[in-house]
C-alpha atoms as a PDB file:
ATOM      1  CA  VAL A   1      -6.063  -5.986  15.424  1.00  0.00           C
ATOM      2  CA  GLN A   2      -6.636  -5.181  11.948  1.00  0.00           C
ATOM      3  CA  LEU A   3      -5.639  -2.927   9.280  1.00  0.00           C
ATOM      4  CA  GLN A   4      -8.658  -1.595   6.847  1.00  0.00           C
ATOM      5  CA  ALA A   5      -7.720  -0.641   3.183  1.00  0.00           C
ATOM      6  CA  SER A   6      -9.998   1.161   1.315  1.00  0.00           C
ATOM      7  CA  GLY A   7     -11.320   3.251  -1.309  1.00  0.00           C
ATOM      8  CA  GLY A   8     -10.708   0.346  -4.247  1.00  0.00           C
ATOM      9  CA  GLY A   9     -13.052  -0.472  -6.692  1.00  0.00           C
ATOM     10  CA  LEU A  10     -13.317  -0.342 -11.076  1.00  0.00           C
ATOM     11  CA  VAL A  11     -11.762   2.344 -12.791  1.00  0.00           C
ATOM     12  CA  GLN A  12     -10.491   3.015 -16.794  1.00  0.00           C
ATOM     13  CA  PRO A  13      -7.636   3.058 -18.087  1.00  0.00           C
ATOM     14  CA  GLY A  14      -5.434   6.441 -17.228  1.00  0.00           C
ATOM     15  CA  GLY A  15      -7.666   6.578 -14.346  1.00  0.00           C
ATOM     16  CA  SER A  16      -7.224   7.447 -10.646  1.00  0.00           C
ATOM     17  CA  LEU A  17      -8.014   6.270  -6.960  1.00  0.00           C
ATOM     18  CA  ARG A  18      -7.375   6.447  -4.115  1.00  0.00           C
ATOM     19  CA  LEU A  19      -6.606   4.049  -1.589  1.00  0.00           C
ATOM     20  CA  SER A  20      -6.824   4.213   2.034  1.00  0.00           C
ATOM     21  CA  CYS A  21      -5.565   2.724   5.563  1.00  0.00           C
ATOM     22  CA  ALA A  22      -6.849   2.798   8.797  1.00  0.00           C
ATOM     23  CA  THR A  23      -6.876   1.743  12.165  1.00  0.00           C
ATOM     24  CA  SER A  24      -8.650   3.363  15.780  1.00  0.00           C
ATOM     25  CA  GLN A  25      -5.887   0.249  17.119  1.00  0.00           C
ATOM     26  CA  PHE A  26      -2.765   2.314  17.226  1.00  0.00           C
ATOM     27  CA  THR A  27      -0.795   5.345  15.652  1.00  0.00           C
ATOM     28  CA  LEU A  28      -0.549   4.473  12.210  1.00  0.00           C
ATOM     29  CA  ASP A  29       2.908   7.145  12.027  1.00  0.00           C
ATOM     30  CA  SER A  30       4.819   4.964  14.789  1.00  0.00           C
ATOM     31  CA  TYR A  31       5.258   2.265  12.611  1.00  0.00           C
ATOM     32  CA  ASP A  32       6.764   2.240   8.394  1.00  0.00           C
ATOM     33  CA  ILE A  33       3.239   1.813   6.696  1.00  0.00           C
ATOM     34  CA  ALA A  34       3.297  -0.984   3.845  1.00  0.00           C
ATOM     35  CA  TRP A  35       0.911  -0.884   0.314  1.00  0.00           C
ATOM     36  CA  PHE A  36       1.358  -4.630  -1.661  1.00  0.00           C
ATOM     37  CA  ARG A  37      -0.357  -6.059  -3.737  1.00  0.00           C
ATOM     38  CA  GLN A  38      -2.143 -10.281  -5.113  1.00  0.00           C
ATOM     39  CA  ALA A  39      -3.333 -10.391  -8.709  1.00  0.00           C
ATOM     40  CA  PRO A  40      -5.273 -13.227  -9.568  1.00  0.00           C
ATOM     41  CA  GLY A  41      -2.696 -16.606  -9.573  1.00  0.00           C
ATOM     42  CA  LYS A  42       0.115 -14.463  -8.077  1.00  0.00           C
ATOM     43  CA  GLU A  43       2.173 -14.048  -5.535  1.00  0.00           C
ATOM     44  CA  ARG A  44       1.799 -10.337  -3.304  1.00  0.00           C
ATOM     45  CA  THR A  45       4.396  -7.673  -4.148  1.00  0.00           C
ATOM     46  CA  GLY A  46       5.851  -4.419  -2.439  1.00  0.00           C
ATOM     47  CA  VAL A  47       3.846  -2.009  -3.288  1.00  0.00           C
ATOM     48  CA  SER A  48       4.777   1.297  -1.855  1.00  0.00           C
ATOM     49  CA  CYS A  49       5.666   2.127   1.662  1.00  0.00           C
ATOM     50  CA  ILE A  50       5.997   5.431   4.665  1.00  0.00           C
ATOM     51  CA  SER A  51       8.985   5.455   6.487  1.00  0.00           C
ATOM     52  CA  ARG A  52       8.817   6.738   9.496  1.00  0.00           C
ATOM     53  CA  SER A  53      12.878   7.857   9.415  1.00  0.00           C
ATOM     54  CA  VAL A  54      14.190  10.460   6.514  1.00  0.00           C
ATOM     55  CA  PRO A  55      13.537   9.678   3.679  1.00  0.00           C
ATOM     56  CA  ARG A  56       9.979   9.185   3.798  1.00  0.00           C
ATOM     57  CA  THR A  57       8.369   7.298   1.043  1.00  0.00           C
ATOM     58  CA  TYR A  58       9.495   4.703  -1.195  1.00  0.00           C
ATOM     59  CA  TYR A  59       7.671   2.656  -4.531  1.00  0.00           C
ATOM     60  CA  VAL A  60       8.328  -0.375  -6.948  1.00  0.00           C
ATOM     61  CA  ASP A  61       9.270   0.520 -10.654  1.00  0.00           C
ATOM     62  CA  SER A  62       6.840   0.023 -11.810  1.00  0.00           C
ATOM     63  CA  VAL A  63       4.373   2.528 -10.426  1.00  0.00           C
ATOM     64  CA  LYS A  64       6.788   6.019  -9.601  1.00  0.00           C
ATOM     65  CA  GLY A  65       5.706   8.496 -10.696  1.00  0.00           C
ATOM     66  CA  ARG A  66       2.331   7.230 -10.798  1.00  0.00           C
ATOM     67  CA  PHE A  67       1.667   6.793  -7.159  1.00  0.00           C
ATOM     68  CA  THR A  68       2.178   9.125  -3.731  1.00  0.00           C
ATOM     69  CA  ILE A  69       2.007   7.670  -0.547  1.00  0.00           C
ATOM     70  CA  SER A  70       1.493   9.868   1.954  1.00  0.00           C
ATOM     71  CA  GLY A  71       0.016   9.858   5.360  1.00  0.00           C
ATOM     72  CA  ASP A  72      -2.193  12.262   7.726  1.00  0.00           C
ATOM     73  CA  ASN A  73      -1.677  11.830  11.421  1.00  0.00           C
ATOM     74  CA  ALA A  74      -4.843  13.502  12.347  1.00  0.00           C
ATOM     75  CA  LYS A  75      -6.990  11.257  10.544  1.00  0.00           C
ATOM     76  CA  ASN A  76      -4.229   8.606  11.560  1.00  0.00           C
ATOM     77  CA  THR A  77      -4.847   7.370   7.985  1.00  0.00           C
ATOM     78  CA  VAL A  78      -2.117   6.478   5.183  1.00  0.00           C
ATOM     79  CA  TYR A  79      -2.627   6.023   1.570  1.00  0.00           C
ATOM     80  CA  LEU A  80      -1.991   5.845  -1.902  1.00  0.00           C
ATOM     81  CA  GLN A  81      -3.405   7.972  -4.351  1.00  0.00           C
ATOM     82  CA  MET A  82      -2.890   6.028  -8.029  1.00  0.00           C
ATOM     83  CA  ASN A  83      -3.375   7.819 -11.308  1.00  0.00           C
ATOM     84  CA  SER A  84      -2.613   6.768 -14.959  1.00  0.00           C
ATOM     85  CA  LEU A  85      -3.507   3.439 -14.117  1.00  0.00           C
ATOM     86  CA  LYS A  86      -2.973   0.255 -16.254  1.00  0.00           C
ATOM     87  CA  PRO A  87      -5.297  -3.456 -16.413  1.00  0.00           C
ATOM     88  CA  GLU A  88      -1.994  -4.553 -15.243  1.00  0.00           C
ATOM     89  CA  ASP A  89      -2.193  -2.783 -11.735  1.00  0.00           C
ATOM     90  CA  THR A  90      -5.588  -4.575 -11.270  1.00  0.00           C
ATOM     91  CA  ALA A  91      -5.379  -6.513  -7.996  1.00  0.00           C
ATOM     92  CA  VAL A  92      -6.535  -6.996  -4.503  1.00  0.00           C
ATOM     93  CA  TYR A  93      -4.196  -3.896  -2.379  1.00  0.00           C
ATOM     94  CA  TYR A  94      -2.874  -4.655   1.694  1.00  0.00           C
ATOM     95  CA  CYS A  95      -1.985  -2.202   4.572  1.00  0.00           C
ATOM     96  CA  ALA A  96       0.295  -3.742   6.738  1.00  0.00           C
ATOM     97  CA  ALA A  97       1.807  -1.876   9.227  1.00  0.00           C
ATOM     98  CA  LEU A  98       5.659  -3.549   9.476  1.00  0.00           C
ATOM     99  CA  ALA A  99       7.726  -5.341  12.349  1.00  0.00           C
ATOM    100  CA  PRO A 100       9.279  -2.492  13.544  1.00  0.00           C
ATOM    101  CA  GLN A 101      12.835  -4.799  12.748  1.00  0.00           C
ATOM    102  CA  PHE A 102      11.690  -3.733   9.396  1.00  0.00           C
ATOM    103  CA  HIS A 103      12.823  -0.954   7.696  1.00  0.00           C
ATOM    104  CA  CYS A 104      10.396   0.053   3.994  1.00  0.00           C
ATOM    105  CA  THR A 105      13.388  -0.804   1.530  1.00  0.00           C
ATOM    106  CA  VAL A 106      12.684  -4.209   2.198  1.00  0.00           C
ATOM    107  CA  VAL A 107       9.322  -3.683   0.822  1.00  0.00           C
ATOM    108  CA  VAL A 108      10.069  -2.635  -2.740  1.00  0.00           C
ATOM    109  CA  ALA A 109      14.155  -4.062  -2.954  1.00  0.00           C
ATOM    110  CA  THR A 110      12.714  -7.971  -1.789  1.00  0.00           C
ATOM    111  CA  THR A 111      11.069 -10.719  -1.897  1.00  0.00           C
ATOM    112  CA  HIS A 112       7.413 -10.317  -0.572  1.00  0.00           C
ATOM    113  CA  SER A 113       7.073 -11.336   2.713  1.00  0.00           C
ATOM    114  CA  ASP A 114       3.814 -12.190   4.619  1.00  0.00           C
ATOM    115  CA  SER A 115       6.701 -12.567   8.218  1.00  0.00           C
ATOM    116  CA  TRP A 116       8.184  -8.467   7.744  1.00  0.00           C
ATOM    117  CA  TYR A 117       4.565  -7.733   9.021  1.00  0.00           C
ATOM    118  CA  ASP A 118       2.717  -6.649  12.519  1.00  0.00           C
ATOM    119  CA  TYR A 119      -1.044  -5.725  11.473  1.00  0.00           C
ATOM    120  CA  TRP A 120      -2.344  -5.851   8.689  1.00  0.00           C
ATOM    121  CA  GLY A 121      -6.126  -6.757   7.130  1.00  0.00           C
ATOM    122  CA  GLN A 122      -8.554  -7.130   4.312  1.00  0.00           C
ATOM    123  CA  GLY A 123      -7.398  -5.794   1.798  1.00  0.00           C
ATOM    124  CA  THR A 124      -9.163  -3.356  -1.675  1.00  0.00           C
ATOM    125  CA  GLN A 125     -10.253  -4.373  -5.107  1.00  0.00           C
ATOM    126  CA  VAL A 126      -8.751  -2.245  -7.428  1.00  0.00           C
ATOM    127  CA  THR A 127      -9.539  -3.767 -11.210  1.00  0.00           C
ATOM    128  CA  VAL A 128      -8.339  -1.718 -14.695  1.00  0.00           C
ATOM    129  CA  SER A 129     -10.992  -1.978 -18.112  1.00  0.00           C
ATOM    130  CA  SER A 130     -11.772  -0.899 -20.226  1.00  0.00           C
END
């Protein structure tokens, strides 16, 4: 079972991209869904998460006010709208489904761990450069 992330590309600083996360294997709304990223030579870091419970959306400080996570249950897709992109946003972006014992708060508040996730898949490259 994998989640498919798509929508990455090359964009100039200040530009926008919308990433999509989809799967045909299960209903995304039954999990907390996270986006995390990995820049070249760096550790994976959490970016954002959408929870099954209220409050529903979470962001790391570096993307607050610029990124928006949302879900479309009819399309079984989670989106990450990224505006005002900066060169430091350059990374491979992954989406993942958190295991039931974990909540979105770990994604944005603690050192990243692959052990949080039940499902994830290939990421999508985002490059911010002039």
